[in-house]
């Protein structure tokens, strides 16, 4: 799975977890342990999204620099 696809899948999972959380919170007697587990899962997913987006941005910035480096090498 490509990095962008993984990020998109994680965004969808985060949205899904948000829906599950809202649903659980609207129960007459919400399960506080389940709510805590869902929140923890959402946080883990968000952390992974952040990490992968940083990796993707870093990779893209490196690839943007490669043609410039090649041009400098050819000039010398």
Foldseek 3Di string as FASTA:
>chain_A
DDLVVLLVVLVVVLVVLVVVLVVQVPDPDRDPVVNVVSVVVSVVSVVVSVVSVVVVVVVVVVVVCVVVVVVVVVVD
